[in-house]
Each structure stands twice: as C-alpha cells, then as structure tokens.
C-alpha cells in the first residue's frame, strides 16, 4: 500500500518494499567514531577453534547465498577444518572478509495484521554459514569480556543467566505490593526493530569502552560495512543496502547489540 491506496502492480510493490527497507537500514543519527583504526592483526585462528565452532553450529539451518549448509560443514568437518583454518587466517591477515559474505538473502514472513503493510512482515536474513562460523570463533574469544561489561540486571543472551529470574522477581513485586496495598510503578521498553536500530559507530564506540582489542573492532567493522541484502518478491532479486544495525542471524550480533545498549545506559547514569 502507498499513500493509503492498495497497489497491484508488481513493479510498484517491489518499489515499496525496497523503499521501506532502505529507509529502515539508513543511518538516522550522526555518531563520531572514537576508536582509531589499527594495523594490528588478531591472533591466528587455531584448528581447535574451528572444530569447536563447527560443533556449536545448529543443524538444519537454512543456507545463505552460497548455499553451503551447516549440516554440510558439520558432516565434512574432519576433512575441511585445515582448509577453513587457512582461509580464516588469510582473512585476518588481509583484514578483509570475502565480498560474498557481505550479502544476505531476506525472506519476508507475515506476522499479523493487514497483509498490505510492510511493517507486518518479519524479515528473516539468511547469511553465509561459513561467515557465521568465522564470527562464532570471534564470539568465543570475546564472549567472556563482553559479558563482564554487562550489569547483573542484563539477563538476556548471557550464559548462566535466565530471563525467568527477572520475571519471577517482577511477579513477586506485583504480588507483594497488592498484598500490602502499596503503589508500584513498572516501566517496560519495547525495542522496535532492535538489531536494526543501532548506528554502526555506536557499536564500535561501545566495544572500545568495553576494552575490546582494536584489532577485533576493526574486524567486526569490516564484517558490518558495505553489506546488503536481497529480497525476492516475485521473479527477481531486489538489492537493499544496509548502513545501520547489526546483522540479523549473525552469531555475534546479539552481543554487539547488548554492548551498545549498556554503553547508552552507562551514559544515562
């Protein structure tokens, strides 16, 4: 739908979809980048790190643009670990990932509401599985440091933490205030398009504040710069540039988002 009028032309529908997601992924707030680029290279990746990351991959996941599935990587791990390690280290040395990894395929899944509204469709991004394997290795190296940066109040996306604990605490508060007839004020924040809402430089600044080595910041910046996704509405692929947010479906994206979020909260304090 455009300007309140339903569209039936395939070309017009494609234009609406491209315009909607281009605006969604367009930077909205100028943010200066604090950490300076470095020429340092991250420590070399060992074969055991690749083997561990392959074991961590979830089976039966859809493949990305390269059509390499997680199941293939897991079943052929004993024959490809050495070559994967060699290639990953080349990307570290070059400080650059393959251009193919910057592409994702997006599938639109209807949620609820009016079917002619783009906001009622959930975009599911399908990334290259070898790329996700690469960032899983980076996540394994940084996870402990990023978790230490989080306050105890943050229970989401952390090992040994559970959101059910917070739900239980809130439930107890509600029950006790009702029992003793005391006032209670609760505030919940609904993050719309959460992973797509953060500016890139905000993420790099947050990682710098968390004490992450600049070589990893540069590497993650490379993984999130000049990326794009394609949406197939009818017969052709529609290209949409991504200049904001962390990559949906990437193993490290949730950690990047919570790191950026905590950096904002610390500034508010």
C-alpha atoms as a PDB file:
ATOM      1  CA  UNK A   1       0.000   0.000   0.000  1.00  0.00           C
ATOM      2  CA  UNK A   2       1.247   3.518  -0.843  1.00  0.00           C
ATOM      3  CA  UNK A   3      -0.385   6.775   0.333  1.00  0.00           C
ATOM      4  CA  UNK A   4      -3.330   4.761   1.612  1.00  0.00           C
ATOM      5  CA  UNK A   5      -4.012   3.190  -1.776  1.00  0.00           C
ATOM      6  CA  UNK A   6      -3.572  -0.540  -2.470  1.00  0.00           C
ATOM      7  CA  UNK A   7      -1.024  -1.391  -5.169  1.00  0.00           C
ATOM      8  CA  UNK A   8      -1.489  -4.265  -7.601  1.00  0.00           C
ATOM      9  CA  UNK A   9       1.427  -3.646  -9.951  1.00  0.00           C
ATOM     10  CA  UNK A  10       4.365  -5.956  -9.235  1.00  0.00           C
ATOM     11  CA  UNK A  11       6.799  -3.158 -10.035  1.00  0.00           C
ATOM     12  CA  UNK A  12       5.096  -0.786  -7.591  1.00  0.00           C
ATOM     13  CA  UNK A  13       5.027  -3.437  -4.862  1.00  0.00           C
ATOM     14  CA  UNK A  14       8.743  -4.052  -5.346  1.00  0.00           C
ATOM     15  CA  UNK A  15       9.430  -0.308  -5.177  1.00  0.00           C
ATOM     16  CA  UNK A  16       7.524  -0.077  -1.891  1.00  0.00           C
ATOM     17  CA  UNK A  17       9.482  -2.983  -0.391  1.00  0.00           C
ATOM     18  CA  UNK A  18      12.869  -1.577  -1.435  1.00  0.00           C
ATOM     19  CA  UNK A  19      11.952   1.905  -0.177  1.00  0.00           C
ATOM     20  CA  UNK A  20      10.722   0.549   3.170  1.00  0.00           C
ATOM     21  CA  UNK A  21      13.842  -1.486   3.954  1.00  0.00           C
ATOM     22  CA  UNK A  22      16.248   1.086   2.529  1.00  0.00           C
ATOM     23  CA  UNK A  23      14.799   3.636   4.954  1.00  0.00           C
ATOM     24  CA  UNK A  24      14.911   1.090   7.784  1.00  0.00           C
ATOM     25  CA  UNK A  25      18.617   0.408   7.240  1.00  0.00           C
ATOM     26  CA  UNK A  26      19.593   4.042   6.599  1.00  0.00           C
ATOM     27  CA  UNK A  27      21.616   5.895   9.295  1.00  0.00           C
ATOM     28  CA  UNK A  28      19.491   8.415  11.180  1.00  0.00           C
ATOM     29  CA  UNK A  29      21.824   9.895  13.820  1.00  0.00           C
ATOM     30  CA  UNK A  30      25.396  11.035  13.088  1.00  0.00           C
ATOM     31  CA  UNK A  31      27.788   9.378  15.558  1.00  0.00           C
ATOM     32  CA  UNK A  32      31.529  10.058  15.658  1.00  0.00           C
ATOM     33  CA  UNK A  33      33.809   7.028  15.745  1.00  0.00           C
ATOM     34  CA  UNK A  34      36.031   7.087  18.843  1.00  0.00           C
ATOM     35  CA  UNK A  35      38.396   4.105  18.427  1.00  0.00           C
ATOM     36  CA  UNK A  36      41.064   4.752  15.828  1.00  0.00           C
ATOM     37  CA  UNK A  37      41.703   2.125  13.146  1.00  0.00           C
ATOM     38  CA  UNK A  38      44.698  -0.088  13.814  1.00  0.00           C
ATOM     39  CA  UNK A  39      47.002  -2.092  11.587  1.00  0.00           C
ATOM     40  CA  UNK A  40      47.305  -4.843  14.194  1.00  0.00           C
ATOM     41  CA  UNK A  41      46.050  -8.281  13.231  1.00  0.00           C
ATOM     42  CA  UNK A  42      44.033 -10.523  15.541  1.00  0.00           C
ATOM     43  CA  UNK A  43      45.822 -13.633  16.884  1.00  0.00           C
ATOM     44  CA  UNK A  44      45.863 -16.501  14.432  1.00  0.00           C
ATOM     45  CA  UNK A  45      42.981 -18.943  14.472  1.00  0.00           C
ATOM     46  CA  UNK A  46      43.807 -22.495  15.535  1.00  0.00           C
ATOM     47  CA  UNK A  47      42.233 -25.654  14.160  1.00  0.00           C
ATOM     48  CA  UNK A  48      40.680 -26.494  17.531  1.00  0.00           C
ATOM     49  CA  UNK A  49      38.824 -23.165  17.444  1.00  0.00           C
ATOM     50  CA  UNK A  50      37.310 -24.028  14.071  1.00  0.00           C
ATOM     51  CA  UNK A  51      36.386 -27.515  15.283  1.00  0.00           C
ATOM     52  CA  UNK A  52      34.724 -26.075  18.378  1.00  0.00           C
ATOM     53  CA  UNK A  53      32.752 -23.521  16.354  1.00  0.00           C
ATOM     54  CA  UNK A  54      31.521 -26.233  13.968  1.00  0.00           C
ATOM     55  CA  UNK A  55      30.268 -28.286  16.920  1.00  0.00           C
ATOM     56  CA  UNK A  56      28.388 -25.211  18.163  1.00  0.00           C
ATOM     57  CA  UNK A  57      26.547 -24.730  14.869  1.00  0.00           C
ATOM     58  CA  UNK A  58      22.875 -25.635  14.955  1.00  0.00           C
ATOM     59  CA  UNK A  59      21.846 -28.291  12.413  1.00  0.00           C
ATOM     60  CA  UNK A  60      19.067 -27.985   9.845  1.00  0.00           C
ATOM     61  CA  UNK A  61      19.525 -24.242   9.425  1.00  0.00           C
ATOM     62  CA  UNK A  62      18.806 -22.606   6.078  1.00  0.00           C
ATOM     63  CA  UNK A  63      21.854 -21.831   3.966  1.00  0.00           C
ATOM     64  CA  UNK A  64      22.792 -18.365   2.764  1.00  0.00           C
ATOM     65  CA  UNK A  65      23.609 -17.028  -0.715  1.00  0.00           C
ATOM     66  CA  UNK A  66      26.487 -19.504  -1.167  1.00  0.00           C
ATOM     67  CA  UNK A  67      24.135 -22.448  -0.468  1.00  0.00           C
ATOM     68  CA  UNK A  68      26.605 -24.028   1.953  1.00  0.00           C
ATOM     69  CA  UNK A  69      24.607 -25.567   4.787  1.00  0.00           C
ATOM     70  CA  UNK A  70      25.555 -26.000   8.414  1.00  0.00           C
ATOM     71  CA  UNK A  71      24.845 -29.719   8.038  1.00  0.00           C
ATOM     72  CA  UNK A  72      27.483 -29.961   5.308  1.00  0.00           C
ATOM     73  CA  UNK A  73      30.082 -28.180   7.448  1.00  0.00           C
ATOM     74  CA  UNK A  74      29.343 -30.481  10.366  1.00  0.00           C
ATOM     75  CA  UNK A  75      29.380 -33.704   8.336  1.00  0.00           C
ATOM     76  CA  UNK A  76      32.566 -32.782   6.448  1.00  0.00           C
ATOM     77  CA  UNK A  77      34.344 -31.137   9.365  1.00  0.00           C
ATOM     78  CA  UNK A  78      37.101 -33.758   9.606  1.00  0.00           C
ATOM     79  CA  UNK A  79      38.200 -33.034   6.023  1.00  0.00           C
ATOM     80  CA  UNK A  80      37.758 -29.258   5.804  1.00  0.00           C
ATOM     81  CA  UNK A  81      38.971 -27.953   9.175  1.00  0.00           C
ATOM     82  CA  UNK A  82      42.550 -27.476   7.979  1.00  0.00           C
ATOM     83  CA  UNK A  83      41.485 -25.574   4.861  1.00  0.00           C
ATOM     84  CA  UNK A  84      38.945 -23.464   6.756  1.00  0.00           C
ATOM     85  CA  UNK A  85      41.598 -22.525   9.301  1.00  0.00           C
ATOM     86  CA  UNK A  86      43.950 -21.499   6.495  1.00  0.00           C
ATOM     87  CA  UNK A  87      41.302 -19.366   4.784  1.00  0.00           C
ATOM     88  CA  UNK A  88      40.146 -17.720   8.022  1.00  0.00           C
ATOM     89  CA  UNK A  89      43.716 -16.741   8.880  1.00  0.00           C
ATOM     90  CA  UNK A  90      44.121 -15.227   5.423  1.00  0.00           C
ATOM     91  CA  UNK A  91      41.088 -13.034   6.124  1.00  0.00           C
ATOM     92  CA  UNK A  92      42.677 -11.989   9.418  1.00  0.00           C
ATOM     93  CA  UNK A  93      45.968 -11.153   7.687  1.00  0.00           C
ATOM     94  CA  UNK A  94      44.202  -9.213   4.923  1.00  0.00           C
ATOM     95  CA  UNK A  95      41.906  -7.541   7.477  1.00  0.00           C
ATOM     96  CA  UNK A  96      39.139  -8.163   4.975  1.00  0.00           C
ATOM     97  CA  UNK A  97      36.402 -10.753   4.562  1.00  0.00           C
ATOM     98  CA  UNK A  98      35.176 -12.047   1.170  1.00  0.00           C
ATOM     99  CA  UNK A  99      32.718  -9.769  -0.617  1.00  0.00           C
ATOM    100  CA  UNK A 100      30.299 -12.708  -0.889  1.00  0.00           C
ATOM    101  CA  UNK A 101      29.971 -12.717   2.895  1.00  0.00           C
ATOM    102  CA  UNK A 102      28.570  -9.203   2.837  1.00  0.00           C
ATOM    103  CA  UNK A 103      25.442 -10.404   1.083  1.00  0.00           C
ATOM    104  CA  UNK A 104      22.397 -11.945   2.745  1.00  0.00           C
ATOM    105  CA  UNK A 105      19.092 -13.207   1.397  1.00  0.00           C
ATOM    106  CA  UNK A 106      15.996 -11.918   3.173  1.00  0.00           C
ATOM    107  CA  UNK A 107      12.752 -13.866   3.376  1.00  0.00           C
ATOM    108  CA  UNK A 108       9.622 -11.953   4.406  1.00  0.00           C
ATOM    109  CA  UNK A 109       7.368 -13.858   6.816  1.00  0.00           C
ATOM    110  CA  UNK A 110       3.885 -12.495   7.528  1.00  0.00           C
ATOM    111  CA  UNK A 111       3.225 -11.875  11.235  1.00  0.00           C
ATOM    112  CA  UNK A 112      -0.278 -10.500  11.739  1.00  0.00           C
ATOM    113  CA  UNK A 113      -2.475  -7.562  10.810  1.00  0.00           C
ATOM    114  CA  UNK A 114      -3.042  -6.171   7.340  1.00  0.00           C
ATOM    115  CA  UNK A 115      -1.190  -8.082   4.645  1.00  0.00           C
ATOM    116  CA  UNK A 116      -0.676  -4.949   2.551  1.00  0.00           C
ATOM    117  CA  UNK A 117       1.504  -3.285   5.222  1.00  0.00           C
ATOM    118  CA  UNK A 118       5.261  -3.917   5.043  1.00  0.00           C
ATOM    119  CA  UNK A 119       5.627  -3.444   8.805  1.00  0.00           C
ATOM    120  CA  UNK A 120       3.547  -6.586   9.332  1.00  0.00           C
ATOM    121  CA  UNK A 121       6.196  -8.806   7.742  1.00  0.00           C
ATOM    122  CA  UNK A 122       9.169 -10.162   9.646  1.00  0.00           C
ATOM    123  CA  UNK A 123      12.396 -10.099   7.608  1.00  0.00           C
ATOM    124  CA  UNK A 124      14.475 -13.251   8.114  1.00  0.00           C
ATOM    125  CA  UNK A 125      18.044 -12.753   6.897  1.00  0.00           C
ATOM    126  CA  UNK A 126      19.961 -15.806   5.677  1.00  0.00           C
ATOM    127  CA  UNK A 127      23.724 -15.367   5.971  1.00  0.00           C
ATOM    128  CA  UNK A 128      26.575 -17.484   4.683  1.00  0.00           C
ATOM    129  CA  UNK A 129      27.156 -20.379   7.085  1.00  0.00           C
ATOM    130  CA  UNK A 130      30.982 -20.192   6.698  1.00  0.00           C
ATOM    131  CA  UNK A 131      30.714 -16.499   7.608  1.00  0.00           C
ATOM    132  CA  UNK A 132      28.704 -17.376  10.722  1.00  0.00           C
ATOM    133  CA  UNK A 133      31.340 -19.974  11.574  1.00  0.00           C
ATOM    134  CA  UNK A 134      34.002 -17.251  11.318  1.00  0.00           C
ATOM    135  CA  UNK A 135      32.130 -14.853  13.622  1.00  0.00           C
ATOM    136  CA  UNK A 136      31.382 -17.709  16.039  1.00  0.00           C
ATOM    137  CA  UNK A 137      35.139 -18.023  16.536  1.00  0.00           C
ATOM    138  CA  UNK A 138      35.400 -14.281  17.207  1.00  0.00           C
ATOM    139  CA  UNK A 139      32.460 -14.523  19.616  1.00  0.00           C
ATOM    140  CA  UNK A 140      34.106 -17.378  21.517  1.00  0.00           C
ATOM    141  CA  UNK A 141      37.151 -15.173  22.032  1.00  0.00           C
ATOM    142  CA  UNK A 142      35.220 -12.076  23.134  1.00  0.00           C
ATOM    143  CA  UNK A 143      32.189 -13.522  24.928  1.00  0.00           C
ATOM    144  CA  UNK A 144      33.699 -13.516  28.426  1.00  0.00           C
ATOM    145  CA  UNK A 145      34.898  -9.933  28.103  1.00  0.00           C
ATOM    146  CA  UNK A 146      31.572  -8.699  26.716  1.00  0.00           C
ATOM    147  CA  UNK A 147      29.634 -10.490  29.472  1.00  0.00           C
ATOM    148  CA  UNK A 148      31.792  -8.854  32.143  1.00  0.00           C
ATOM    149  CA  UNK A 149      30.841  -5.483  30.657  1.00  0.00           C
ATOM    150  CA  UNK A 150      27.152  -6.196  31.309  1.00  0.00           C
ATOM    151  CA  UNK A 151      25.388  -5.298  34.578  1.00  0.00           C
ATOM    152  CA  UNK A 152      23.725  -8.003  36.654  1.00  0.00           C
ATOM    153  CA  UNK A 153      20.369  -6.627  35.511  1.00  0.00           C
ATOM    154  CA  UNK A 154      21.048  -7.844  31.963  1.00  0.00           C
ATOM    155  CA  UNK A 155      19.955 -11.471  31.795  1.00  0.00           C
ATOM    156  CA  UNK A 156      19.320 -11.762  28.071  1.00  0.00           C
ATOM    157  CA  UNK A 157      21.779 -13.518  25.752  1.00  0.00           C
ATOM    158  CA  UNK A 158      24.198 -14.434  28.567  1.00  0.00           C
ATOM    159  CA  UNK A 159      25.489 -17.761  29.814  1.00  0.00           C
ATOM    160  CA  UNK A 160      24.347 -18.745  33.320  1.00  0.00           C
ATOM    161  CA  UNK A 161      21.649 -16.037  33.265  1.00  0.00           C
ATOM    162  CA  UNK A 162      17.945 -16.514  32.681  1.00  0.00           C
ATOM    163  CA  UNK A 163      15.174 -14.003  31.991  1.00  0.00           C
ATOM    164  CA  UNK A 164      12.845 -16.223  34.024  1.00  0.00           C
ATOM    165  CA  UNK A 165      14.647 -14.978  37.145  1.00  0.00           C
ATOM    166  CA  UNK A 166      13.655 -11.405  36.318  1.00  0.00           C
ATOM    167  CA  UNK A 167      10.093 -12.457  35.518  1.00  0.00           C
ATOM    168  CA  UNK A 168       9.890 -14.228  38.873  1.00  0.00           C
ATOM    169  CA  UNK A 169      11.210 -11.123  40.669  1.00  0.00           C
ATOM    170  CA  UNK A 170       8.682  -8.845  38.957  1.00  0.00           C
ATOM    171  CA  UNK A 171       5.861 -11.273  39.730  1.00  0.00           C
ATOM    172  CA  UNK A 172       6.861 -11.294  43.396  1.00  0.00           C
ATOM    173  CA  UNK A 173       6.915  -7.484  43.464  1.00  0.00           C
ATOM    174  CA  UNK A 174       3.432  -7.293  41.974  1.00  0.00           C
ATOM    175  CA  UNK A 175       2.054  -9.869  44.408  1.00  0.00           C
ATOM    176  CA  UNK A 176       3.609  -8.197  47.477  1.00  0.00           C
ATOM    177  CA  UNK A 177       2.504  -4.682  46.556  1.00  0.00           C
ATOM    178  CA  UNK A 178      -1.022  -5.941  46.008  1.00  0.00           C
ATOM    179  CA  UNK A 179      -0.959  -7.824  49.297  1.00  0.00           C
ATOM    180  CA  UNK A 180       0.185  -4.776  51.272  1.00  0.00           C
ATOM    181  CA  UNK A 181      -1.703  -2.269  49.100  1.00  0.00           C
ATOM    182  CA  UNK A 182       1.450  -0.368  48.132  1.00  0.00           C
ATOM    183  CA  UNK A 183       1.925   1.632  44.905  1.00  0.00           C
ATOM    184  CA  UNK A 184       4.150   0.123  42.241  1.00  0.00           C
ATOM    185  CA  UNK A 185       5.404   1.667  39.024  1.00  0.00           C
ATOM    186  CA  UNK A 186       6.829  -0.566  36.302  1.00  0.00           C
ATOM    187  CA  UNK A 187       8.315   0.583  33.010  1.00  0.00           C
ATOM    188  CA  UNK A 188       8.911  -1.729  30.055  1.00  0.00           C
ATOM    189  CA  UNK A 189      10.759  -0.687  26.905  1.00  0.00           C
ATOM    190  CA  UNK A 190       9.684  -2.259  23.635  1.00  0.00           C
ATOM    191  CA  UNK A 191      12.588  -2.084  21.194  1.00  0.00           C
ATOM    192  CA  UNK A 192      11.101  -1.979  17.709  1.00  0.00           C
ATOM    193  CA  UNK A 193      13.486  -3.423  15.105  1.00  0.00           C
ATOM    194  CA  UNK A 194      16.078  -3.648  17.879  1.00  0.00           C
ATOM    195  CA  UNK A 195      19.002  -5.115  15.950  1.00  0.00           C
ATOM    196  CA  UNK A 196      18.369  -2.723  13.057  1.00  0.00           C
ATOM    197  CA  UNK A 197      18.209   0.377  15.256  1.00  0.00           C
ATOM    198  CA  UNK A 198      21.823   0.868  16.373  1.00  0.00           C
ATOM    199  CA  UNK A 199      24.240   3.070  14.465  1.00  0.00           C
ATOM    200  CA  UNK A 200      27.454   1.329  13.438  1.00  0.00           C
ATOM    201  CA  UNK A 201      29.771   3.832  15.124  1.00  0.00           C
ATOM    202  CA  UNK A 202      27.782   3.470  18.356  1.00  0.00           C
ATOM    203  CA  UNK A 203      28.650  -0.232  18.369  1.00  0.00           C
ATOM    204  CA  UNK A 204      32.376   0.363  17.755  1.00  0.00           C
ATOM    205  CA  UNK A 205      32.450   3.052  20.453  1.00  0.00           C
ATOM    206  CA  UNK A 206      30.764   0.671  22.898  1.00  0.00           C
ATOM    207  CA  UNK A 207      33.273  -2.086  22.144  1.00  0.00           C
ATOM    208  CA  UNK A 208      36.091   0.412  22.705  1.00  0.00           C
ATOM    209  CA  UNK A 209      34.564   1.401  26.062  1.00  0.00           C
ATOM    210  CA  UNK A 210      34.274  -2.294  26.978  1.00  0.00           C
ATOM    211  CA  UNK A 211      38.019  -2.672  26.442  1.00  0.00           C
ATOM    212  CA  UNK A 212      37.856  -4.838  23.327  1.00  0.00           C
ATOM    213  CA  UNK A 213      41.135  -5.009  21.417  1.00  0.00           C
ATOM    214  CA  UNK A 214      41.072  -2.603  18.421  1.00  0.00           C
ATOM    215  CA  UNK A 215      42.029  -5.425  16.046  1.00  0.00           C
ATOM    216  CA  UNK A 216      38.691  -7.125  16.795  1.00  0.00           C
ATOM    217  CA  UNK A 217      36.791  -3.842  16.499  1.00  0.00           C
ATOM    218  CA  UNK A 218      38.296  -3.328  13.046  1.00  0.00           C
ATOM    219  CA  UNK A 219      37.435  -6.902  12.092  1.00  0.00           C
ATOM    220  CA  UNK A 220      33.815  -6.578  13.210  1.00  0.00           C
ATOM    221  CA  UNK A 221      33.550  -3.238  11.448  1.00  0.00           C
ATOM    222  CA  UNK A 222      34.723  -4.934   8.266  1.00  0.00           C
ATOM    223  CA  UNK A 223      32.025  -7.585   8.736  1.00  0.00           C
ATOM    224  CA  UNK A 224      29.292  -4.938   9.016  1.00  0.00           C
ATOM    225  CA  UNK A 225      30.435  -2.380   6.423  1.00  0.00           C
ATOM    226  CA  UNK A 226      29.119  -2.249   2.832  1.00  0.00           C
ATOM    227  CA  UNK A 227      26.720  -5.096   3.498  1.00  0.00           C
ATOM    228  CA  UNK A 228      23.478  -5.582   1.617  1.00  0.00           C
ATOM    229  CA  UNK A 229      20.554  -7.951   1.413  1.00  0.00           C
ATOM    230  CA  UNK A 230      18.385  -9.168  -1.428  1.00  0.00           C
ATOM    231  CA  UNK A 231      14.633  -9.641  -1.274  1.00  0.00           C
ATOM    232  CA  UNK A 232      12.830 -11.771  -3.834  1.00  0.00           C
ATOM    233  CA  UNK A 233       9.241 -10.557  -4.135  1.00  0.00           C
ATOM    234  CA  UNK A 234       8.300 -12.197  -7.423  1.00  0.00           C
ATOM    235  CA  UNK A 235      10.859 -13.339 -10.010  1.00  0.00           C
ATOM    236  CA  UNK A 236      13.825 -11.009  -9.487  1.00  0.00           C
ATOM    237  CA  UNK A 237      16.103 -10.142  -6.596  1.00  0.00           C
ATOM    238  CA  UNK A 238      15.841  -6.651  -5.125  1.00  0.00           C
ATOM    239  CA  UNK A 239      19.028  -5.253  -3.620  1.00  0.00           C
ATOM    240  CA  UNK A 240      18.811  -3.242  -0.388  1.00  0.00           C
ATOM    241  CA  UNK A 241      21.926  -1.584   1.106  1.00  0.00           C
ATOM    242  CA  UNK A 242      22.433  -1.924   4.871  1.00  0.00           C
ATOM    243  CA  UNK A 243      24.115   1.033   6.562  1.00  0.00           C
ATOM    244  CA  UNK A 244      22.736   0.662  10.083  1.00  0.00           C
ATOM    245  CA  UNK A 245      22.226  -2.059  12.673  1.00  0.00           C
ATOM    246  CA  UNK A 246      23.973  -5.342  13.349  1.00  0.00           C
ATOM    247  CA  UNK A 247      23.476  -8.272  11.015  1.00  0.00           C
ATOM    248  CA  UNK A 248      20.411 -10.358  11.701  1.00  0.00           C
ATOM    249  CA  UNK A 249      21.266 -14.036  12.063  1.00  0.00           C
ATOM    250  CA  UNK A 250      24.917 -13.360  12.846  1.00  0.00           C
ATOM    251  CA  UNK A 251      26.101 -15.297  15.892  1.00  0.00           C
ATOM    252  CA  UNK A 252      27.761 -12.248  17.448  1.00  0.00           C
ATOM    253  CA  UNK A 253      25.042  -9.662  16.712  1.00  0.00           C
ATOM    254  CA  UNK A 254      23.133 -10.072  19.978  1.00  0.00           C
ATOM    255  CA  UNK A 255      26.320  -9.433  21.976  1.00  0.00           C
ATOM    256  CA  UNK A 256      27.073  -6.353  19.884  1.00  0.00           C
ATOM    257  CA  UNK A 257      23.568  -5.012  20.490  1.00  0.00           C
ATOM    258  CA  UNK A 258      23.615  -5.521  24.275  1.00  0.00           C
ATOM    259  CA  UNK A 259      27.096  -3.979  24.450  1.00  0.00           C
ATOM    260  CA  UNK A 260      25.868  -0.878  22.610  1.00  0.00           C
ATOM    261  CA  UNK A 261      22.746  -0.782  24.788  1.00  0.00           C
ATOM    262  CA  UNK A 262      24.725  -0.946  28.029  1.00  0.00           C
ATOM    263  CA  UNK A 263      27.043   1.806  26.792  1.00  0.00           C
ATOM    264  CA  UNK A 264      23.991   4.051  26.374  1.00  0.00           C
ATOM    265  CA  UNK A 265      22.661   3.152  29.832  1.00  0.00           C
ATOM    266  CA  UNK A 266      26.015   3.953  31.445  1.00  0.00           C
ATOM    267  CA  UNK A 267      25.955   7.407  29.869  1.00  0.00           C
ATOM    268  CA  UNK A 268      22.428   7.991  31.185  1.00  0.00           C
ATOM    269  CA  UNK A 269      23.580   7.127  34.708  1.00  0.00           C
END
